[in-house]
All heavy atoms as atom14 arrays in JSON, in Angstrom:
{
  "sequence": "IEGHLRIDVDVDGGRVKKAWSSGQMWRGVELILLGRDPRDAWTITQ",
  "atom14_mask": [
    [1, 1, 1, 1, 1, 1, 1, 1, 0, 0, 0, 0, 0, 0],
    [1, 1, 1, 1, 1, 1, 1, 1, 1, 0, 0, 0, 0, 0],
    [1, 1, 1, 1, 0, 0, 0, 0, 0, 0, 0, 0, 0, 0],
    [1, 1, 1, 1, 1, 1, 1, 1, 1, 1, 0, 0, 0, 0],
    [1, 1, 1, 1, 1, 1, 1, 1, 0, 0, 0, 0, 0, 0],
    [1, 1, 1, 1, 1, 1, 1, 1, 1, 1, 1, 0, 0, 0],
    [1, 1, 1, 1, 1, 1, 1, 1, 0, 0, 0, 0, 0, 0],
    [1, 1, 1, 1, 1, 1, 1, 1, 0, 0, 0, 0, 0, 0],
    [1, 1, 1, 1, 1, 1, 1, 0, 0, 0, 0, 0, 0, 0],
    [1, 1, 1, 1, 1, 1, 1, 1, 0, 0, 0, 0, 0, 0],
    [1, 1, 1, 1, 1, 1, 1, 0, 0, 0, 0, 0, 0, 0],
    [1, 1, 1, 1, 1, 1, 1, 1, 0, 0, 0, 0, 0, 0],
    [1, 1, 1, 1, 0, 0, 0, 0, 0, 0, 0, 0, 0, 0],
    [1, 1, 1, 1, 0, 0, 0, 0, 0, 0, 0, 0, 0, 0],
    [1, 1, 1, 1, 1, 1, 1, 1, 1, 1, 1, 0, 0, 0],
    [1, 1, 1, 1, 1, 1, 1, 0, 0, 0, 0, 0, 0, 0],
    [1, 1, 1, 1, 1, 1, 1, 1, 1, 0, 0, 0, 0, 0],
    [1, 1, 1, 1, 1, 1, 1, 1, 1, 0, 0, 0, 0, 0],
    [1, 1, 1, 1, 1, 0, 0, 0, 0, 0, 0, 0, 0, 0],
    [1, 1, 1, 1, 1, 1, 1, 1, 1, 1, 1, 1, 1, 1],
    [1, 1, 1, 1, 1, 1, 0, 0, 0, 0, 0, 0, 0, 0],
    [1, 1, 1, 1, 1, 1, 0, 0, 0, 0, 0, 0, 0, 0],
    [1, 1, 1, 1, 0, 0, 0, 0, 0, 0, 0, 0, 0, 0],
    [1, 1, 1, 1, 1, 1, 1, 1, 1, 0, 0, 0, 0, 0],
    [1, 1, 1, 1, 1, 1, 1, 1, 0, 0, 0, 0, 0, 0],
    [1, 1, 1, 1, 1, 1, 1, 1, 1, 1, 1, 1, 1, 1],
    [1, 1, 1, 1, 1, 1, 1, 1, 1, 1, 1, 0, 0, 0],
    [1, 1, 1, 1, 0, 0, 0, 0, 0, 0, 0, 0, 0, 0],
    [1, 1, 1, 1, 1, 1, 1, 0, 0, 0, 0, 0, 0, 0],
    [1, 1, 1, 1, 1, 1, 1, 1, 1, 0, 0, 0, 0, 0],
    [1, 1, 1, 1, 1, 1, 1, 1, 0, 0, 0, 0, 0, 0],
    [1, 1, 1, 1, 1, 1, 1, 1, 0, 0, 0, 0, 0, 0],
    [1, 1, 1, 1, 1, 1, 1, 1, 0, 0, 0, 0, 0, 0],
    [1, 1, 1, 1, 1, 1, 1, 1, 0, 0, 0, 0, 0, 0],
    [1, 1, 1, 1, 0, 0, 0, 0, 0, 0, 0, 0, 0, 0],
    [1, 1, 1, 1, 1, 1, 1, 1, 1, 1, 1, 0, 0, 0],
    [1, 1, 1, 1, 1, 1, 1, 1, 0, 0, 0, 0, 0, 0],
    [1, 1, 1, 1, 1, 1, 1, 0, 0, 0, 0, 0, 0, 0],
    [1, 1, 1, 1, 1, 1, 1, 1, 1, 1, 1, 0, 0, 0],
    [1, 1, 1, 1, 1, 1, 1, 1, 0, 0, 0, 0, 0, 0],
    [1, 1, 1, 1, 1, 0, 0, 0, 0, 0, 0, 0, 0, 0],
    [1, 1, 1, 1, 1, 1, 1, 1, 1, 1, 1, 1, 1, 1],
    [1, 1, 1, 1, 1, 1, 1, 0, 0, 0, 0, 0, 0, 0],
    [1, 1, 1, 1, 1, 1, 1, 1, 0, 0, 0, 0, 0, 0],
    [1, 1, 1, 1, 1, 1, 1, 0, 0, 0, 0, 0, 0, 0],
    [1, 1, 1, 1, 1, 1, 1, 1, 1, 0, 0, 0, 0, 0]
  ],
  "atom14_positions": [
    [[106.28, 94.0, 98.43], [105.56, 94.72, 99.48], [104.91, 95.92, 98.82], [105.08, 96.17, 97.64], [106.49, 95.19, 100.62], [107.46, 96.29, 100.1], [107.26, 94.03, 101.23], [108.16, 97.04, 101.22], [0.0, 0.0, 0.0], [0.0, 0.0, 0.0], [0.0, 0.0, 0.0], [0.0, 0.0, 0.0], [0.0, 0.0, 0.0], [0.0, 0.0, 0.0]],
    [[104.2, 96.74, 99.6], [103.67, 98.01, 99.11], [104.58, 99.12, 99.64], [104.82, 99.21, 100.84], [102.23, 98.22, 99.59], [101.42, 99.2, 98.76], [101.97, 100.61, 98.83], [102.37, 101.04, 99.93], [102.02, 101.28, 97.79], [0.0, 0.0, 0.0], [0.0, 0.0, 0.0], [0.0, 0.0, 0.0], [0.0, 0.0, 0.0], [0.0, 0.0, 0.0]],
    [[105.12, 99.94, 98.73], [105.93, 101.08, 99.15], [107.42, 100.81, 99.07], [107.87, 99.79, 98.56], [0.0, 0.0, 0.0], [0.0, 0.0, 0.0], [0.0, 0.0, 0.0], [0.0, 0.0, 0.0], [0.0, 0.0, 0.0], [0.0, 0.0, 0.0], [0.0, 0.0, 0.0], [0.0, 0.0, 0.0], [0.0, 0.0, 0.0], [0.0, 0.0, 0.0]],
    [[108.21, 101.75, 99.6], [109.66, 101.71, 99.5], [110.27, 101.55, 100.89], [110.27, 102.48, 101.7], [110.19, 102.98, 98.83], [109.8, 103.07, 97.39], [110.66, 102.79, 96.35], [108.62, 103.39, 96.81], [110.03, 102.93, 95.2], [108.79, 103.3, 95.46], [0.0, 0.0, 0.0], [0.0, 0.0, 0.0], [0.0, 0.0, 0.0], [0.0, 0.0, 0.0]],
    [[110.83, 100.38, 101.15], [111.41, 100.04, 102.44], [112.85, 99.6, 102.25], [113.15, 98.78, 101.39], [110.61, 98.91, 103.11], [111.19, 98.31, 104.4], [111.17, 99.33, 105.53], [110.41, 97.05, 104.8], [0.0, 0.0, 0.0], [0.0, 0.0, 0.0], [0.0, 0.0, 0.0], [0.0, 0.0, 0.0], [0.0, 0.0, 0.0], [0.0, 0.0, 0.0]],
    [[113.74, 100.14, 103.06], [115.15, 99.74, 103.08], [115.42, 99.0, 104.38], [115.03, 99.45, 105.46], [116.05, 100.96, 102.96], [117.52, 100.7, 103.28], [118.35, 101.97, 103.14], [119.7, 101.79, 103.67], [120.68, 102.69, 103.57], [120.45, 103.85, 102.95], [121.87, 102.45, 104.09], [0.0, 0.0, 0.0], [0.0, 0.0, 0.0], [0.0, 0.0, 0.0]],
    [[116.11, 97.88, 104.28], [116.52, 97.12, 105.45], [118.04, 96.96, 105.42], [118.61, 96.53, 104.41], [115.86, 95.73, 105.5], [114.34, 95.86, 105.68], [116.46, 94.89, 106.63], [113.89, 96.35, 107.04], [0.0, 0.0, 0.0], [0.0, 0.0, 0.0], [0.0, 0.0, 0.0], [0.0, 0.0, 0.0], [0.0, 0.0, 0.0], [0.0, 0.0, 0.0]],
    [[118.69, 97.3, 106.52], [120.12, 97.08, 106.7], [120.32, 96.09, 107.85], [119.64, 96.22, 108.89], [120.85, 98.38, 107.05], [120.9, 99.35, 105.89], [119.85, 99.95, 105.55], [121.99, 99.52, 105.33], [0.0, 0.0, 0.0], [0.0, 0.0, 0.0], [0.0, 0.0, 0.0], [0.0, 0.0, 0.0], [0.0, 0.0, 0.0], [0.0, 0.0, 0.0]],
    [[121.21, 95.13, 107.66], [121.53, 94.19, 108.75], [123.03, 93.99, 108.82], [123.72, 93.97, 107.79], [120.84, 92.82, 108.56], [119.33, 92.94, 108.7], [121.19, 92.2, 107.21], [0.0, 0.0, 0.0], [0.0, 0.0, 0.0], [0.0, 0.0, 0.0], [0.0, 0.0, 0.0], [0.0, 0.0, 0.0], [0.0, 0.0, 0.0], [0.0, 0.0, 0.0]],
    [[123.54, 93.88, 110.04], [124.92, 93.46, 110.26], [124.91, 91.97, 110.52], [124.17, 91.48, 111.4], [125.52, 94.19, 111.46], [125.93, 95.62, 111.14], [125.94, 95.96, 109.95], [126.22, 96.39, 112.08], [0.0, 0.0, 0.0], [0.0, 0.0, 0.0], [0.0, 0.0, 0.0], [0.0, 0.0, 0.0], [0.0, 0.0, 0.0], [0.0, 0.0, 0.0]],
    [[125.71, 91.22, 109.74], [125.74, 89.77, 109.84], [127.12, 89.33, 110.31], [128.14, 89.77, 109.79], [125.44, 89.11, 108.47], [125.5, 87.6, 108.57], [124.06, 89.55, 107.99], [0.0, 0.0, 0.0], [0.0, 0.0, 0.0], [0.0, 0.0, 0.0], [0.0, 0.0, 0.0], [0.0, 0.0, 0.0], [0.0, 0.0, 0.0], [0.0, 0.0, 0.0]],
    [[127.14, 88.46, 111.31], [128.4, 87.92, 111.83], [128.15, 86.46, 112.19], [127.19, 86.15, 112.89], [128.85, 88.71, 113.06], [130.3, 88.4, 113.45], [130.95, 87.59, 112.75], [130.77, 88.96, 114.45], [0.0, 0.0, 0.0], [0.0, 0.0, 0.0], [0.0, 0.0, 0.0], [0.0, 0.0, 0.0], [0.0, 0.0, 0.0], [0.0, 0.0, 0.0]],
    [[129.03, 85.57, 111.7], [128.88, 84.15, 111.99], [127.6, 83.56, 111.44], [127.04, 82.61, 112.02], [0.0, 0.0, 0.0], [0.0, 0.0, 0.0], [0.0, 0.0, 0.0], [0.0, 0.0, 0.0], [0.0, 0.0, 0.0], [0.0, 0.0, 0.0], [0.0, 0.0, 0.0], [0.0, 0.0, 0.0], [0.0, 0.0, 0.0], [0.0, 0.0, 0.0]],
    [[127.12, 84.11, 110.32], [125.91, 83.58, 109.71], [124.62, 83.98, 110.41], [123.56, 83.41, 110.14], [0.0, 0.0, 0.0], [0.0, 0.0, 0.0], [0.0, 0.0, 0.0], [0.0, 0.0, 0.0], [0.0, 0.0, 0.0], [0.0, 0.0, 0.0], [0.0, 0.0, 0.0], [0.0, 0.0, 0.0], [0.0, 0.0, 0.0], [0.0, 0.0, 0.0]],
    [[124.67, 84.99, 111.3], [123.49, 85.44, 112.03], [123.39, 86.96, 111.99], [124.4, 87.66, 111.94], [123.57, 85.01, 113.51], [123.67, 83.52, 113.73], [122.3, 82.86, 113.65], [122.4, 81.4, 113.76], [121.36, 80.6, 113.88], [120.14, 81.11, 113.9], [121.52, 79.3, 113.95], [0.0, 0.0, 0.0], [0.0, 0.0, 0.0], [0.0, 0.0, 0.0]],
    [[122.18, 87.47, 112.04], [121.96, 88.91, 112.09], [122.22, 89.4, 113.51], [121.64, 88.88, 114.47], [120.52, 89.27, 111.67], [120.26, 90.76, 111.86], [120.28, 88.88, 110.21], [0.0, 0.0, 0.0], [0.0, 0.0, 0.0], [0.0, 0.0, 0.0], [0.0, 0.0, 0.0], [0.0, 0.0, 0.0], [0.0, 0.0, 0.0], [0.0, 0.0, 0.0]],
    [[123.08, 90.39, 113.64], [123.44, 90.92, 114.95], [122.79, 92.28, 115.23], [122.63, 92.66, 116.38], [124.96, 91.04, 115.07], [125.68, 89.71, 114.93], [125.23, 88.7, 115.98], [125.97, 87.37, 115.85], [125.48, 86.36, 116.81], [0.0, 0.0, 0.0], [0.0, 0.0, 0.0], [0.0, 0.0, 0.0], [0.0, 0.0, 0.0], [0.0, 0.0, 0.0]],
    [[122.47, 93.03, 114.16], [121.86, 94.34, 114.33], [121.08, 94.66, 113.06], [121.46, 94.23, 111.97], [122.94, 95.4, 114.58], [122.44, 96.68, 115.23], [123.6, 97.56, 115.67], [123.1, 98.79, 116.42], [124.23, 99.67, 116.87], [0.0, 0.0, 0.0], [0.0, 0.0, 0.0], [0.0, 0.0, 0.0], [0.0, 0.0, 0.0], [0.0, 0.0, 0.0]],
    [[119.99, 95.41, 113.2], [119.15, 95.7, 112.04], [118.6, 97.11, 112.1], [118.4, 97.67, 113.19], [118.0, 94.69, 111.95], [0.0, 0.0, 0.0], [0.0, 0.0, 0.0], [0.0, 0.0, 0.0], [0.0, 0.0, 0.0], [0.0, 0.0, 0.0], [0.0, 0.0, 0.0], [0.0, 0.0, 0.0], [0.0, 0.0, 0.0], [0.0, 0.0, 0.0]],
    [[118.36, 97.68, 110.92], [117.75, 99.0, 110.78], [116.61, 98.9, 109.76], [116.79, 98.33, 108.69], [118.76, 100.03, 110.28], [119.86, 100.36, 111.22], [119.95, 101.41, 112.08], [121.09, 99.62, 111.38], [121.14, 101.39, 112.77], [121.86, 100.29, 112.36], [121.6, 98.46, 110.8], [123.12, 99.85, 112.76], [122.85, 98.0, 111.21], [123.59, 98.69, 112.18]],
    [[115.47, 99.46, 110.1], [114.33, 99.53, 109.17], [114.11, 100.99, 108.8], [113.89, 101.83, 109.67], [113.07, 98.96, 109.84], [111.92, 99.22, 109.07], [0.0, 0.0, 0.0], [0.0, 0.0, 0.0], [0.0, 0.0, 0.0], [0.0, 0.0, 0.0], [0.0, 0.0, 0.0], [0.0, 0.0, 0.0], [0.0, 0.0, 0.0], [0.0, 0.0, 0.0]],
    [[114.2, 101.28, 107.5], [114.13, 102.66, 107.05], [113.05, 102.84, 105.99], [113.16, 102.31, 104.88], [115.49, 103.1, 106.49], [115.42, 104.4, 105.94], [0.0, 0.0, 0.0], [0.0, 0.0, 0.0], [0.0, 0.0, 0.0], [0.0, 0.0, 0.0], [0.0, 0.0, 0.0], [0.0, 0.0, 0.0], [0.0, 0.0, 0.0], [0.0, 0.0, 0.0]],
    [[112.02, 103.59, 106.3], [111.01, 103.98, 105.32], [111.57, 105.08, 104.45], [112.03, 106.11, 104.95], [0.0, 0.0, 0.0], [0.0, 0.0, 0.0], [0.0, 0.0, 0.0], [0.0, 0.0, 0.0], [0.0, 0.0, 0.0], [0.0, 0.0, 0.0], [0.0, 0.0, 0.0], [0.0, 0.0, 0.0], [0.0, 0.0, 0.0], [0.0, 0.0, 0.0]],
    [[111.49, 104.89, 103.14], [112.18, 105.78, 102.21], [111.26, 106.78, 101.51], [111.63, 107.36, 100.5], [112.92, 104.94, 101.17], [114.06, 104.11, 101.73], [115.25, 104.97, 102.13], [115.88, 105.61, 101.31], [115.54, 105.0, 103.43], [0.0, 0.0, 0.0], [0.0, 0.0, 0.0], [0.0, 0.0, 0.0], [0.0, 0.0, 0.0], [0.0, 0.0, 0.0]],
    [[110.08, 107.0, 102.04], [109.15, 107.96, 101.45], [108.51, 108.79, 102.57], [108.39, 108.32, 103.69], [108.05, 107.24, 100.66], [108.55, 106.38, 99.53], [107.41, 105.04, 99.13], [105.93, 105.94, 98.73], [0.0, 0.0, 0.0], [0.0, 0.0, 0.0], [0.0, 0.0, 0.0], [0.0, 0.0, 0.0], [0.0, 0.0, 0.0], [0.0, 0.0, 0.0]],
    [[108.1, 110.0, 102.25], [107.49, 110.89, 103.24], [105.98, 110.96, 103.05], [105.49, 111.13, 101.94], [108.07, 112.3, 103.12], [107.42, 113.29, 104.04], [107.3, 113.2, 105.4], [106.78, 114.51, 103.67], [106.64, 114.29, 105.9], [106.31, 115.12, 104.87], [106.56, 115.16, 102.45], [105.64, 116.33, 104.88], [105.89, 116.38, 102.47], [105.43, 116.95, 103.66]],
    [[105.24, 110.83, 104.14], [103.78, 110.96, 104.1], [103.39, 112.35, 104.61], [103.64, 112.68, 105.75], [103.12, 109.9, 104.98], [101.59, 109.87, 104.85], [100.98, 108.95, 105.9], [101.03, 109.55, 107.22], [101.06, 108.87, 108.36], [101.09, 107.57, 108.33], [101.08, 109.49, 109.51], [0.0, 0.0, 0.0], [0.0, 0.0, 0.0], [0.0, 0.0, 0.0]],
    [[102.76, 113.13, 103.78], [102.37, 114.48, 104.17], [100.88, 114.71, 104.17], [100.43, 115.85, 104.14], [0.0, 0.0, 0.0], [0.0, 0.0, 0.0], [0.0, 0.0, 0.0], [0.0, 0.0, 0.0], [0.0, 0.0, 0.0], [0.0, 0.0, 0.0], [0.0, 0.0, 0.0], [0.0, 0.0, 0.0], [0.0, 0.0, 0.0], [0.0, 0.0, 0.0]],
    [[100.08, 113.65, 104.22], [98.63, 113.82, 104.1], [98.06, 114.62, 105.27], [97.06, 115.33, 105.11], [97.93, 112.44, 103.99], [98.0, 111.68, 105.29], [96.49, 112.6, 103.51], [0.0, 0.0, 0.0], [0.0, 0.0, 0.0], [0.0, 0.0, 0.0], [0.0, 0.0, 0.0], [0.0, 0.0, 0.0], [0.0, 0.0, 0.0], [0.0, 0.0, 0.0]],
    [[98.72, 114.55, 106.43], [98.21, 115.31, 107.58], [98.21, 116.81, 107.3], [97.33, 117.54, 107.74], [99.06, 115.02, 108.83], [98.88, 113.61, 109.39], [99.86, 112.62, 108.83], [100.51, 112.93, 107.81], [100.0, 111.53, 109.4], [0.0, 0.0, 0.0], [0.0, 0.0, 0.0], [0.0, 0.0, 0.0], [0.0, 0.0, 0.0], [0.0, 0.0, 0.0]],
    [[99.22, 117.27, 106.54], [99.3, 118.68, 106.19], [98.24, 119.07, 105.16], [97.71, 120.18, 105.18], [100.7, 119.01, 105.67], [101.86, 118.72, 106.63], [103.19, 119.09, 105.99], [101.68, 119.46, 107.94], [0.0, 0.0, 0.0], [0.0, 0.0, 0.0], [0.0, 0.0, 0.0], [0.0, 0.0, 0.0], [0.0, 0.0, 0.0], [0.0, 0.0, 0.0]],
    [[97.93, 118.14, 104.27], [96.9, 118.38, 103.25], [95.53, 118.59, 103.91], [94.69, 119.36, 103.42], [96.84, 117.2, 102.26], [98.15, 117.1, 101.48], [95.66, 117.33, 101.3], [98.27, 115.84, 100.63], [0.0, 0.0, 0.0], [0.0, 0.0, 0.0], [0.0, 0.0, 0.0], [0.0, 0.0, 0.0], [0.0, 0.0, 0.0], [0.0, 0.0, 0.0]],
    [[95.3, 117.93, 105.05], [93.99, 117.96, 105.69], [93.72, 119.2, 106.52], [92.57, 119.51, 106.83], [93.84, 116.72, 106.59], [93.67, 115.39, 105.86], [93.84, 114.23, 106.83], [92.31, 115.31, 105.18], [0.0, 0.0, 0.0], [0.0, 0.0, 0.0], [0.0, 0.0, 0.0], [0.0, 0.0, 0.0], [0.0, 0.0, 0.0], [0.0, 0.0, 0.0]],
    [[94.76, 119.91, 106.92], [94.58, 121.06, 107.81], [93.65, 122.1, 107.2], [93.8, 122.49, 106.04], [95.93, 121.69, 108.14], [96.93, 120.81, 108.91], [98.23, 121.56, 109.15], [96.32, 120.34, 110.22], [0.0, 0.0, 0.0], [0.0, 0.0, 0.0], [0.0, 0.0, 0.0], [0.0, 0.0, 0.0], [0.0, 0.0, 0.0], [0.0, 0.0, 0.0]],
    [[92.66, 122.53, 108.0], [91.72, 123.56, 107.56], [90.57, 123.05, 106.72], [89.7, 123.84, 106.32], [0.0, 0.0, 0.0], [0.0, 0.0, 0.0], [0.0, 0.0, 0.0], [0.0, 0.0, 0.0], [0.0, 0.0, 0.0], [0.0, 0.0, 0.0], [0.0, 0.0, 0.0], [0.0, 0.0, 0.0], [0.0, 0.0, 0.0], [0.0, 0.0, 0.0]],
    [[90.53, 121.77, 106.43], [89.47, 121.22, 105.57], [88.24, 120.8, 106.38], [88.28, 120.63, 107.6], [90.01, 120.03, 104.77], [91.03, 120.44, 103.71], [91.46, 119.22, 102.92], [92.42, 119.54, 101.87], [92.1, 119.83, 100.61], [90.83, 119.83, 100.23], [93.04, 120.12, 99.72], [0.0, 0.0, 0.0], [0.0, 0.0, 0.0], [0.0, 0.0, 0.0]],
    [[87.17, 120.56, 105.65], [85.93, 120.05, 106.23], [86.17, 118.61, 106.68], [86.62, 117.77, 105.88], [84.82, 120.1, 105.18], [83.44, 119.8, 105.75], [83.33, 118.87, 106.58], [82.47, 120.48, 105.35], [0.0, 0.0, 0.0], [0.0, 0.0, 0.0], [0.0, 0.0, 0.0], [0.0, 0.0, 0.0], [0.0, 0.0, 0.0], [0.0, 0.0, 0.0]],
    [[85.88, 118.27, 107.93], [86.12, 116.9, 108.42], [85.37, 115.83, 107.63], [85.78, 114.67, 107.62], [85.64, 116.95, 109.88], [85.69, 118.39, 110.25], [85.39, 119.15, 108.99], [0.0, 0.0, 0.0], [0.0, 0.0, 0.0], [0.0, 0.0, 0.0], [0.0, 0.0, 0.0], [0.0, 0.0, 0.0], [0.0, 0.0, 0.0], [0.0, 0.0, 0.0]],
    [[84.29, 116.21, 106.96], [83.52, 115.24, 106.18], [84.27, 114.8, 104.93], [83.91, 113.79, 104.31], [82.16, 115.83, 105.8], [81.22, 116.02, 106.98], [79.99, 116.81, 106.61], [80.32, 118.19, 106.27], [79.43, 119.13, 105.98], [78.13, 118.84, 106.01], [79.81, 120.36, 105.67], [0.0, 0.0, 0.0], [0.0, 0.0, 0.0], [0.0, 0.0, 0.0]],
    [[85.3, 115.55, 104.55], [86.1, 115.2, 103.37], [87.3, 114.33, 103.72], [87.96, 113.8, 102.81], [86.61, 116.47, 102.68], [85.48, 117.3, 102.08], [84.4, 116.73, 101.83], [85.69, 118.5, 101.87], [0.0, 0.0, 0.0], [0.0, 0.0, 0.0], [0.0, 0.0, 0.0], [0.0, 0.0, 0.0], [0.0, 0.0, 0.0], [0.0, 0.0, 0.0]],
    [[87.61, 114.2, 105.0], [88.87, 113.55, 105.4], [88.95, 112.1, 104.92], [90.01, 111.63, 104.51], [89.04, 113.63, 106.92], [0.0, 0.0, 0.0], [0.0, 0.0, 0.0], [0.0, 0.0, 0.0], [0.0, 0.0, 0.0], [0.0, 0.0, 0.0], [0.0, 0.0, 0.0], [0.0, 0.0, 0.0], [0.0, 0.0, 0.0], [0.0, 0.0, 0.0]],
    [[87.83, 111.39, 104.97], [87.88, 109.96, 104.61], [88.22, 109.76, 103.13], [88.91, 108.8, 102.78], [86.57, 109.27, 104.96], [85.39, 109.6, 104.08], [84.49, 110.6, 104.26], [85.0, 108.92, 102.89], [83.56, 110.59, 103.24], [83.85, 109.57, 102.39], [85.51, 107.83, 102.18], [83.19, 109.17, 101.23], [84.87, 107.42, 101.02], [83.72, 108.09, 100.56]],
    [[87.76, 110.66, 102.27], [88.07, 110.51, 100.85], [89.54, 110.81, 100.56], [90.14, 110.23, 99.66], [87.2, 111.43, 99.98], [87.47, 112.8, 100.3], [85.73, 111.16, 100.2], [0.0, 0.0, 0.0], [0.0, 0.0, 0.0], [0.0, 0.0, 0.0], [0.0, 0.0, 0.0], [0.0, 0.0, 0.0], [0.0, 0.0, 0.0], [0.0, 0.0, 0.0]],
    [[90.12, 111.72, 101.34], [91.52, 112.1, 101.14], [92.45, 111.07, 101.76], [93.42, 110.63, 101.13], [91.78, 113.5, 101.74], [90.95, 114.56, 100.99], [93.27, 113.84, 101.69], [90.95, 115.91, 101.64], [0.0, 0.0, 0.0], [0.0, 0.0, 0.0], [0.0, 0.0, 0.0], [0.0, 0.0, 0.0], [0.0, 0.0, 0.0], [0.0, 0.0, 0.0]],
    [[92.16, 110.64, 102.98], [93.09, 109.75, 103.68], [93.17, 108.38, 103.03], [94.22, 107.73, 103.09], [92.71, 109.58, 105.16], [91.36, 109.09, 105.27], [92.84, 110.9, 105.91], [0.0, 0.0, 0.0], [0.0, 0.0, 0.0], [0.0, 0.0, 0.0], [0.0, 0.0, 0.0], [0.0, 0.0, 0.0], [0.0, 0.0, 0.0], [0.0, 0.0, 0.0]],
    [[92.1, 107.91, 102.38], [92.22, 106.59, 101.76], [93.11, 106.63, 100.53], [93.52, 105.59, 100.01], [90.86, 105.97, 101.46], [90.08, 106.54, 100.32], [88.88, 105.66, 99.95], [88.93, 104.43, 100.05], [87.79, 106.3, 99.55], [0.0, 0.0, 0.0], [0.0, 0.0, 0.0], [0.0, 0.0, 0.0], [0.0, 0.0, 0.0], [0.0, 0.0, 0.0]]
  ]
}
């Protein structure tokens, strides 16, 4: 896949009974954009 993803599952009787999806990285691009010229946002966000 792209990025760092953790999956936890509880298995009972050969079946998944409960699951957790955990993204293991922080995205801070929104903070980088504050106060900037809106015309620059597309180059930064991609």
